[in-house]
Amino acid sequence: MYNHNIIMNYNNISWEEALKESHKTLLTTHPRSPKKLIPPHQWIKETMRKYLGDGYEYYAAGDGNSKYDKEYKVPGLFYDKMVDITIVKNNKVKGAISFKFVASNYNQNSNNYFENLVGECFNIQAMDIPFCHVFVIRDNIPYYERNRDVQKYEQFTFHNLDKYLKLSRFKDKGSPSKLSMSIIHIEGDMYNNEIIHPQKFKELPKNEQNKILNNINVTMSDYSEYDKKTANELKKLNVYDTLKEFSNIID
């Protein structure tokens, strides 16, 4: 059985592997469990450490006992906010990074996701703290009914995407200093011809659970569903380049 308590070395895995670990943890814990966020949060933290070096402190919720394996409270204009990944130097916040991974029921919450992001950007950046947002969404998004059956599959359409692309171009305190977007394809989490809900996963026999976990794989979308201009813009928002560019604006 998959053991999500194993402490990983996030320096030696790819972004896709970190997201795969996140998805496996989603299935093996509660859907609201924060454990599913540890792999991508730690991966981002260690990637920032590679880019910036050891002259900073890096905070993110983790699976160890270090004082850095936790979120950090970032000062805001209207309210202080616990942020997913924070870079600190001499007790001063030098950069903040938020992370969002949408795996189901997107459209009913899409406006809230976006409005919350804009509010978070302004609240933190009004304090002259650079802010980066890392957004991940699967290309085939299950919409679950209350009984945890898939009612339909949603797509991240150009209409959904366009507002994020506009936000990435808009240079103001209400837009992130840097924005990363990853539209991903997840394979292996199908059961009885539908993407399985985490609660239904837990009701399966152990051998069926293991079979699913062993077959899960995450790859980046090729963005072929979008026009060439949009696809090229998306490719420039990859997480590696975005975090590198974000590190360049941290003093």
C-alpha atoms as a PDB file:
ATOM      1  CA  MET A   1       0.000   0.000   0.000  1.00  0.00           C
ATOM      2  CA  TYR A   2       1.174   3.530  -0.802  1.00  0.00           C
ATOM      3  CA  ASN A   3       2.847   5.188   2.188  1.00  0.00           C
ATOM      4  CA  HIS A   4       2.431   8.970   2.081  1.00  0.00           C
ATOM      5  CA  ASN A   5       4.490   9.335   5.274  1.00  0.00           C
ATOM      6  CA  ILE A   6       7.766   8.561   3.488  1.00  0.00           C
ATOM      7  CA  ILE A   7       9.971  11.664   3.527  1.00  0.00           C
ATOM      8  CA  MET A   8      10.955  12.449  -0.051  1.00  0.00           C
ATOM      9  CA  ASN A   9      13.978  14.206  -1.462  1.00  0.00           C
ATOM     10  CA  TYR A  10      12.313  16.942  -3.475  1.00  0.00           C
ATOM     11  CA  ASN A  11      15.614  17.987  -5.037  1.00  0.00           C
ATOM     12  CA  ASN A  12      15.662  14.833  -7.139  1.00  0.00           C
ATOM     13  CA  ILE A  13      12.178  14.707  -8.638  1.00  0.00           C
ATOM     14  CA  SER A  14      10.486  16.567 -11.481  1.00  0.00           C
ATOM     15  CA  TRP A  15       7.457  18.836 -11.221  1.00  0.00           C
ATOM     16  CA  GLU A  16       5.326  16.099 -12.773  1.00  0.00           C
ATOM     17  CA  GLU A  17       6.544  13.608 -10.151  1.00  0.00           C
ATOM     18  CA  ALA A  18       5.698  16.036  -7.341  1.00  0.00           C
ATOM     19  CA  LEU A  19       2.183  16.427  -8.746  1.00  0.00           C
ATOM     20  CA  LYS A  20       1.861  12.644  -9.064  1.00  0.00           C
ATOM     21  CA  GLU A  21       2.745  12.282  -5.382  1.00  0.00           C
ATOM     22  CA  SER A  22       0.189  14.955  -4.578  1.00  0.00           C
ATOM     23  CA  HIS A  23      -2.527  13.105  -6.475  1.00  0.00           C
ATOM     24  CA  LYS A  24      -1.688   9.780  -4.850  1.00  0.00           C
ATOM     25  CA  THR A  25      -1.876  11.428  -1.447  1.00  0.00           C
ATOM     26  CA  LEU A  26      -5.263  12.918  -2.354  1.00  0.00           C
ATOM     27  CA  LEU A  27      -6.562   9.397  -2.966  1.00  0.00           C
ATOM     28  CA  THR A  28      -5.023   7.833   0.141  1.00  0.00           C
ATOM     29  CA  THR A  29      -5.993  10.566   2.620  1.00  0.00           C
ATOM     30  CA  HIS A  30      -9.076  12.725   3.081  1.00  0.00           C
ATOM     31  CA  PRO A  31      -9.915  15.094   0.177  1.00  0.00           C
ATOM     32  CA  ARG A  32      -9.481  18.048   2.545  1.00  0.00           C
ATOM     33  CA  SER A  33      -6.255  16.772   4.051  1.00  0.00           C
ATOM     34  CA  PRO A  34      -3.372  19.264   3.723  1.00  0.00           C
ATOM     35  CA  LYS A  35      -0.967  16.333   3.216  1.00  0.00           C
ATOM     36  CA  LYS A  36      -1.731  16.300  -0.503  1.00  0.00           C
ATOM     37  CA  LEU A  37      -0.160  19.755  -0.817  1.00  0.00           C
ATOM     38  CA  ILE A  38       3.158  18.832   0.764  1.00  0.00           C
ATOM     39  CA  PRO A  39       4.868  17.413  -2.378  1.00  0.00           C
ATOM     40  CA  PRO A  40       4.270  20.466  -4.627  1.00  0.00           C
ATOM     41  CA  HIS A  41       4.872  22.942  -1.795  1.00  0.00           C
ATOM     42  CA  GLN A  42       8.166  21.326  -0.873  1.00  0.00           C
ATOM     43  CA  TRP A  43       9.185  21.005  -4.511  1.00  0.00           C
ATOM     44  CA  ILE A  44       8.603  24.728  -5.047  1.00  0.00           C
ATOM     45  CA  LYS A  45      10.494  25.544  -1.853  1.00  0.00           C
ATOM     46  CA  GLU A  46      13.518  23.462  -2.855  1.00  0.00           C
ATOM     47  CA  THR A  47      13.471  24.846  -6.394  1.00  0.00           C
ATOM     48  CA  MET A  48      13.578  28.376  -5.004  1.00  0.00           C
ATOM     49  CA  ARG A  49      16.491  27.322  -2.804  1.00  0.00           C
ATOM     50  CA  LYS A  50      18.348  26.110  -5.919  1.00  0.00           C
ATOM     51  CA  TYR A  51      17.792  29.459  -7.612  1.00  0.00           C
ATOM     52  CA  LEU A  52      18.499  31.729  -4.623  1.00  0.00           C
ATOM     53  CA  GLY A  53      20.987  29.767  -2.524  1.00  0.00           C
ATOM     54  CA  ASP A  54      21.346  29.394   1.221  1.00  0.00           C
ATOM     55  CA  GLY A  55      21.270  33.076   2.191  1.00  0.00           C
ATOM     56  CA  TYR A  56      17.526  32.882   2.825  1.00  0.00           C
ATOM     57  CA  GLU A  57      15.081  30.922   4.969  1.00  0.00           C
ATOM     58  CA  TYR A  58      12.471  28.904   3.095  1.00  0.00           C
ATOM     59  CA  TYR A  59       9.131  27.983   4.665  1.00  0.00           C
ATOM     60  CA  ALA A  60       6.483  25.536   3.426  1.00  0.00           C
ATOM     61  CA  ALA A  61       4.280  22.878   5.004  1.00  0.00           C
ATOM     62  CA  GLY A  62       6.329  19.699   5.079  1.00  0.00           C
ATOM     63  CA  ASP A  63       6.522  16.113   6.243  1.00  0.00           C
ATOM     64  CA  GLY A  64       9.522  16.657   8.542  1.00  0.00           C
ATOM     65  CA  ASN A  65      10.011  18.239  11.946  1.00  0.00           C
ATOM     66  CA  SER A  66      12.086  21.216  10.865  1.00  0.00           C
ATOM     67  CA  LYS A  67      10.966  24.696  11.929  1.00  0.00           C
ATOM     68  CA  TYR A  68      10.834  25.459   8.214  1.00  0.00           C
ATOM     69  CA  ASP A  69       8.266  22.709   7.522  1.00  0.00           C
ATOM     70  CA  LYS A  70       5.351  25.060   8.050  1.00  0.00           C
ATOM     71  CA  GLU A  71       3.578  27.979   6.473  1.00  0.00           C
ATOM     72  CA  TYR A  72       4.755  31.495   7.358  1.00  0.00           C
ATOM     73  CA  LYS A  73       2.538  34.451   8.247  1.00  0.00           C
ATOM     74  CA  VAL A  74       3.070  37.172   5.650  1.00  0.00           C
ATOM     75  CA  PRO A  75       2.101  40.779   6.433  1.00  0.00           C
ATOM     76  CA  GLY A  76      -0.684  42.230   4.317  1.00  0.00           C
ATOM     77  CA  LEU A  77      -2.216  45.672   3.862  1.00  0.00           C
ATOM     78  CA  PHE A  78      -5.601  44.552   5.195  1.00  0.00           C
ATOM     79  CA  TYR A  79      -4.734  41.337   7.043  1.00  0.00           C
ATOM     80  CA  ASP A  80      -1.779  39.042   7.638  1.00  0.00           C
ATOM     81  CA  LYS A  81      -1.929  35.791   5.686  1.00  0.00           C
ATOM     82  CA  MET A  82      -0.405  32.341   6.073  1.00  0.00           C
ATOM     83  CA  VAL A  83       1.174  31.715   2.668  1.00  0.00           C
ATOM     84  CA  ASP A  84       2.088  28.351   1.105  1.00  0.00           C
ATOM     85  CA  ILE A  85       5.767  29.049   0.381  1.00  0.00           C
ATOM     86  CA  THR A  86       7.648  32.013   1.837  1.00  0.00           C
ATOM     87  CA  ILE A  87      11.210  33.286   1.400  1.00  0.00           C
ATOM     88  CA  VAL A  88      12.595  35.224   4.394  1.00  0.00           C
ATOM     89  CA  LYS A  89      15.868  37.057   5.071  1.00  0.00           C
ATOM     90  CA  ASN A  90      16.800  38.818   8.305  1.00  0.00           C
ATOM     91  CA  ASN A  91      13.241  38.310   9.575  1.00  0.00           C
ATOM     92  CA  LYS A  92      11.827  40.136   6.560  1.00  0.00           C
ATOM     93  CA  VAL A  93       9.607  38.479   3.952  1.00  0.00           C
ATOM     94  CA  LYS A  94      11.333  38.723   0.583  1.00  0.00           C
ATOM     95  CA  GLY A  95       8.853  36.728  -1.500  1.00  0.00           C
ATOM     96  CA  ALA A  96       5.604  34.783  -1.179  1.00  0.00           C
ATOM     97  CA  ILE A  97       4.247  31.999  -3.380  1.00  0.00           C
ATOM     98  CA  SER A  98       0.727  30.567  -3.373  1.00  0.00           C
ATOM     99  CA  PHE A  99      -0.290  27.261  -4.966  1.00  0.00           C
ATOM    100  CA  LYS A 100      -3.600  25.969  -6.325  1.00  0.00           C
ATOM    101  CA  PHE A 101      -4.244  22.459  -7.689  1.00  0.00           C
ATOM    102  CA  VAL A 102      -7.733  21.954  -9.141  1.00  0.00           C
ATOM    103  CA  ALA A 103      -8.624  18.284  -9.573  1.00  0.00           C
ATOM    104  CA  SER A 104     -12.463  18.331  -9.597  1.00  0.00           C
ATOM    105  CA  ASN A 105     -15.629  20.486  -9.739  1.00  0.00           C
ATOM    106  CA  TYR A 106     -13.931  23.515 -11.246  1.00  0.00           C
ATOM    107  CA  ASN A 107     -16.625  25.639 -12.886  1.00  0.00           C
ATOM    108  CA  GLN A 108     -18.791  26.029  -9.798  1.00  0.00           C
ATOM    109  CA  ASN A 109     -15.828  27.622  -8.003  1.00  0.00           C
ATOM    110  CA  SER A 110     -13.876  29.206 -10.865  1.00  0.00           C
ATOM    111  CA  ASN A 111     -14.850  32.820 -10.173  1.00  0.00           C
ATOM    112  CA  ASN A 112     -14.109  32.447  -6.457  1.00  0.00           C
ATOM    113  CA  TYR A 113     -10.648  31.007  -7.224  1.00  0.00           C
ATOM    114  CA  PHE A 114      -9.834  33.947  -9.451  1.00  0.00           C
ATOM    115  CA  GLU A 115     -11.268  36.691  -7.243  1.00  0.00           C
ATOM    116  CA  ASN A 116      -9.457  35.305  -4.186  1.00  0.00           C
ATOM    117  CA  LEU A 117      -6.189  35.319  -6.139  1.00  0.00           C
ATOM    118  CA  VAL A 118      -6.577  38.965  -7.146  1.00  0.00           C
ATOM    119  CA  GLY A 119      -7.384  39.933  -3.554  1.00  0.00           C
ATOM    120  CA  GLU A 120      -4.403  37.994  -2.215  1.00  0.00           C
ATOM    121  CA  CYS A 121      -2.095  39.646  -4.759  1.00  0.00           C
ATOM    122  CA  PHE A 122      -3.117  43.162  -3.779  1.00  0.00           C
ATOM    123  CA  ASN A 123      -3.135  42.517  -0.030  1.00  0.00           C
ATOM    124  CA  ILE A 124       0.463  41.238  -0.025  1.00  0.00           C
ATOM    125  CA  GLN A 125       2.029  43.283  -2.820  1.00  0.00           C
ATOM    126  CA  ALA A 126       0.703  46.531  -1.330  1.00  0.00           C
ATOM    127  CA  MET A 127       3.354  45.796   1.319  1.00  0.00           C
ATOM    128  CA  ASP A 128       6.023  45.719  -1.435  1.00  0.00           C
ATOM    129  CA  ILE A 129       6.405  41.941  -1.137  1.00  0.00           C
ATOM    130  CA  PRO A 130       6.782  40.150  -4.505  1.00  0.00           C
ATOM    131  CA  PHE A 131       4.055  37.542  -4.961  1.00  0.00           C
ATOM    132  CA  CYS A 132       3.975  34.520  -7.265  1.00  0.00           C
ATOM    133  CA  HIS A 133       1.073  32.182  -7.977  1.00  0.00           C
ATOM    134  CA  VAL A 134       1.453  28.595  -9.210  1.00  0.00           C
ATOM    135  CA  PHE A 135      -1.780  27.255 -10.726  1.00  0.00           C
ATOM    136  CA  VAL A 136      -2.294  23.600 -11.718  1.00  0.00           C
ATOM    137  CA  ILE A 137      -5.408  22.088 -13.277  1.00  0.00           C
ATOM    138  CA  ARG A 138      -6.063  18.775 -14.963  1.00  0.00           C
ATOM    139  CA  ASP A 139      -7.205  18.788 -18.579  1.00  0.00           C
ATOM    140  CA  ASN A 140     -10.159  16.458 -17.943  1.00  0.00           C
ATOM    141  CA  ILE A 141     -11.860  17.647 -14.763  1.00  0.00           C
ATOM    142  CA  PRO A 142     -14.439  15.355 -13.108  1.00  0.00           C
ATOM    143  CA  TYR A 143     -17.564  17.003 -11.737  1.00  0.00           C
ATOM    144  CA  TYR A 144     -18.783  14.816  -8.883  1.00  0.00           C
ATOM    145  CA  GLU A 145     -22.356  14.537  -7.678  1.00  0.00           C
ATOM    146  CA  ARG A 146     -23.138  14.240  -3.956  1.00  0.00           C
ATOM    147  CA  ASN A 147     -23.061  10.438  -4.260  1.00  0.00           C
ATOM    148  CA  ARG A 148     -19.452  10.771  -5.587  1.00  0.00           C
ATOM    149  CA  ASP A 149     -20.356   9.580  -9.077  1.00  0.00           C
ATOM    150  CA  VAL A 150     -19.033  11.600 -12.008  1.00  0.00           C
ATOM    151  CA  GLN A 151     -21.890  13.650 -13.425  1.00  0.00           C
ATOM    152  CA  LYS A 152     -19.821  15.072 -16.287  1.00  0.00           C
ATOM    153  CA  TYR A 153     -16.308  16.061 -17.300  1.00  0.00           C
ATOM    154  CA  GLU A 154     -15.358  19.722 -17.552  1.00  0.00           C
ATOM    155  CA  GLN A 155     -12.653  21.195 -19.736  1.00  0.00           C
ATOM    156  CA  PHE A 156     -10.412  24.141 -18.962  1.00  0.00           C
ATOM    157  CA  THR A 157     -11.565  26.156 -21.957  1.00  0.00           C
ATOM    158  CA  PHE A 158     -10.053  29.274 -23.479  1.00  0.00           C
ATOM    159  CA  HIS A 159     -12.811  31.227 -21.698  1.00  0.00           C
ATOM    160  CA  ASN A 160     -11.508  29.884 -18.362  1.00  0.00           C
ATOM    161  CA  LEU A 161      -7.894  30.423 -19.343  1.00  0.00           C
ATOM    162  CA  ASP A 162      -8.155  33.889 -20.855  1.00  0.00           C
ATOM    163  CA  LYS A 163      -8.607  35.751 -17.569  1.00  0.00           C
ATOM    164  CA  TYR A 164      -5.432  34.142 -16.187  1.00  0.00           C
ATOM    165  CA  LEU A 165      -3.467  35.098 -19.280  1.00  0.00           C
ATOM    166  CA  LYS A 166      -4.749  38.663 -19.008  1.00  0.00           C
ATOM    167  CA  LEU A 167      -3.739  38.691 -15.329  1.00  0.00           C
ATOM    168  CA  SER A 168      -0.218  37.499 -16.197  1.00  0.00           C
ATOM    169  CA  ARG A 169       0.149  40.417 -18.655  1.00  0.00           C
ATOM    170  CA  PHE A 170      -1.268  43.024 -16.284  1.00  0.00           C
ATOM    171  CA  LYS A 171       1.516  44.640 -14.264  1.00  0.00           C
ATOM    172  CA  ASP A 172      -0.040  46.020 -11.097  1.00  0.00           C
ATOM    173  CA  LYS A 173      -0.304  45.161  -7.404  1.00  0.00           C
ATOM    174  CA  GLY A 174      -3.545  43.270  -8.139  1.00  0.00           C
ATOM    175  CA  SER A 175      -1.727  40.833 -10.402  1.00  0.00           C
ATOM    176  CA  PRO A 176       1.035  38.426  -9.341  1.00  0.00           C
ATOM    177  CA  SER A 177       4.624  39.441  -9.968  1.00  0.00           C
ATOM    178  CA  LYS A 178       4.895  36.080 -11.703  1.00  0.00           C
ATOM    179  CA  LEU A 179       2.258  33.515 -12.659  1.00  0.00           C
ATOM    180  CA  SER A 180       2.825  29.853 -13.524  1.00  0.00           C
ATOM    181  CA  MET A 181       0.197  27.689 -15.203  1.00  0.00           C
ATOM    182  CA  SER A 182       0.356  23.919 -15.608  1.00  0.00           C
ATOM    183  CA  ILE A 183      -2.453  22.133 -17.431  1.00  0.00           C
ATOM    184  CA  ILE A 184      -1.765  18.466 -16.781  1.00  0.00           C
ATOM    185  CA  HIS A 185      -2.969  15.086 -17.964  1.00  0.00           C
ATOM    186  CA  ILE A 186      -3.452  12.413 -15.285  1.00  0.00           C
ATOM    187  CA  GLU A 187      -3.650   8.766 -16.275  1.00  0.00           C
ATOM    188  CA  GLY A 188      -4.381   5.715 -14.162  1.00  0.00           C
ATOM    189  CA  ASP A 189      -7.030   6.973 -11.730  1.00  0.00           C
ATOM    190  CA  MET A 190      -9.973   5.492 -13.665  1.00  0.00           C
ATOM    191  CA  TYR A 191     -12.227   2.805 -12.168  1.00  0.00           C
ATOM    192  CA  ASN A 192     -15.314   1.425 -13.922  1.00  0.00           C
ATOM    193  CA  ASN A 193     -14.686   3.894 -16.748  1.00  0.00           C
ATOM    194  CA  GLU A 194     -14.717   7.036 -14.618  1.00  0.00           C
ATOM    195  CA  ILE A 195     -12.171   9.024 -12.621  1.00  0.00           C
ATOM    196  CA  ILE A 196     -12.550   7.707  -9.121  1.00  0.00           C
ATOM    197  CA  HIS A 197     -13.532   9.928  -6.200  1.00  0.00           C
ATOM    198  CA  PRO A 198     -11.105   9.699  -3.223  1.00  0.00           C
ATOM    199  CA  GLN A 199     -13.833   8.399  -0.921  1.00  0.00           C
ATOM    200  CA  LYS A 200     -14.789   5.690  -3.402  1.00  0.00           C
ATOM    201  CA  PHE A 201     -11.120   4.813  -3.755  1.00  0.00           C
ATOM    202  CA  LYS A 202     -10.961   4.038  -0.042  1.00  0.00           C
ATOM    203  CA  GLU A 203     -13.854   1.591  -0.373  1.00  0.00           C
ATOM    204  CA  LEU A 204     -11.986  -0.548  -2.898  1.00  0.00           C
ATOM    205  CA  PRO A 205     -10.119  -3.737  -1.947  1.00  0.00           C
ATOM    206  CA  LYS A 206      -6.433  -3.132  -1.224  1.00  0.00           C
ATOM    207  CA  ASN A 207      -5.296  -4.918  -4.373  1.00  0.00           C
ATOM    208  CA  GLU A 208      -7.480  -2.616  -6.508  1.00  0.00           C
ATOM    209  CA  GLN A 209      -6.150   0.441  -4.672  1.00  0.00           C
ATOM    210  CA  ASN A 210      -2.565  -0.645  -5.285  1.00  0.00           C
ATOM    211  CA  LYS A 211      -3.273  -1.291  -8.953  1.00  0.00           C
ATOM    212  CA  ILE A 212      -4.589   2.256  -9.387  1.00  0.00           C
ATOM    213  CA  LEU A 213      -1.737   3.853  -7.430  1.00  0.00           C
ATOM    214  CA  ASN A 214       0.874   1.959  -9.438  1.00  0.00           C
ATOM    215  CA  ASN A 215      -0.668   3.126 -12.731  1.00  0.00           C
ATOM    216  CA  ILE A 216      -1.024   6.827 -11.955  1.00  0.00           C
ATOM    217  CA  ASN A 217       1.079   9.096 -14.126  1.00  0.00           C
ATOM    218  CA  VAL A 218       1.147  12.855 -14.676  1.00  0.00           C
ATOM    219  CA  THR A 219       2.267  14.568 -17.875  1.00  0.00           C
ATOM    220  CA  MET A 220       2.049  18.135 -19.106  1.00  0.00           C
ATOM    221  CA  SER A 221      -0.605  18.937 -21.674  1.00  0.00           C
ATOM    222  CA  ASP A 222       0.711  19.670 -25.158  1.00  0.00           C
ATOM    223  CA  TYR A 223      -1.816  22.559 -25.330  1.00  0.00           C
ATOM    224  CA  SER A 224      -2.958  21.362 -28.749  1.00  0.00           C
ATOM    225  CA  GLU A 225      -6.542  22.332 -27.878  1.00  0.00           C
ATOM    226  CA  TYR A 226      -5.529  26.007 -27.988  1.00  0.00           C
ATOM    227  CA  ASP A 227      -4.382  28.142 -30.898  1.00  0.00           C
ATOM    228  CA  LYS A 228      -0.647  28.487 -31.498  1.00  0.00           C
ATOM    229  CA  LYS A 229      -0.336  31.942 -29.910  1.00  0.00           C
ATOM    230  CA  THR A 230      -2.098  30.810 -26.731  1.00  0.00           C
ATOM    231  CA  ALA A 231      -0.112  27.568 -26.591  1.00  0.00           C
ATOM    232  CA  ASN A 232       3.178  29.477 -26.855  1.00  0.00           C
ATOM    233  CA  GLU A 233       2.098  31.873 -24.119  1.00  0.00           C
ATOM    234  CA  LEU A 234       1.204  28.954 -21.861  1.00  0.00           C
ATOM    235  CA  LYS A 235       4.531  27.262 -22.455  1.00  0.00           C
ATOM    236  CA  LYS A 236       6.313  30.425 -21.280  1.00  0.00           C
ATOM    237  CA  LEU A 237       4.378  30.166 -18.000  1.00  0.00           C
ATOM    238  CA  ASN A 238       5.966  26.814 -17.122  1.00  0.00           C
ATOM    239  CA  VAL A 239       6.884  26.464 -13.465  1.00  0.00           C
ATOM    240  CA  TYR A 240      10.658  26.224 -13.981  1.00  0.00           C
ATOM    241  CA  ASP A 241      10.977  29.495 -15.899  1.00  0.00           C
ATOM    242  CA  THR A 242       8.407  31.263 -13.732  1.00  0.00           C
ATOM    243  CA  LEU A 243      10.190  30.436 -10.471  1.00  0.00           C
ATOM    244  CA  LYS A 244      13.548  31.367 -11.994  1.00  0.00           C
ATOM    245  CA  GLU A 245      12.166  34.737 -13.082  1.00  0.00           C
ATOM    246  CA  PHE A 246      10.592  35.208  -9.648  1.00  0.00           C
ATOM    247  CA  SER A 247      13.936  34.532  -7.963  1.00  0.00           C
ATOM    248  CA  ASN A 248      15.466  37.311 -10.063  1.00  0.00           C
ATOM    249  CA  ILE A 249      13.181  39.946  -8.514  1.00  0.00           C
ATOM    250  CA  ILE A 250      13.877  38.881  -4.914  1.00  0.00           C
ATOM    251  CA  ASP A 251      16.539  41.021  -3.246  1.00  0.00           C
END
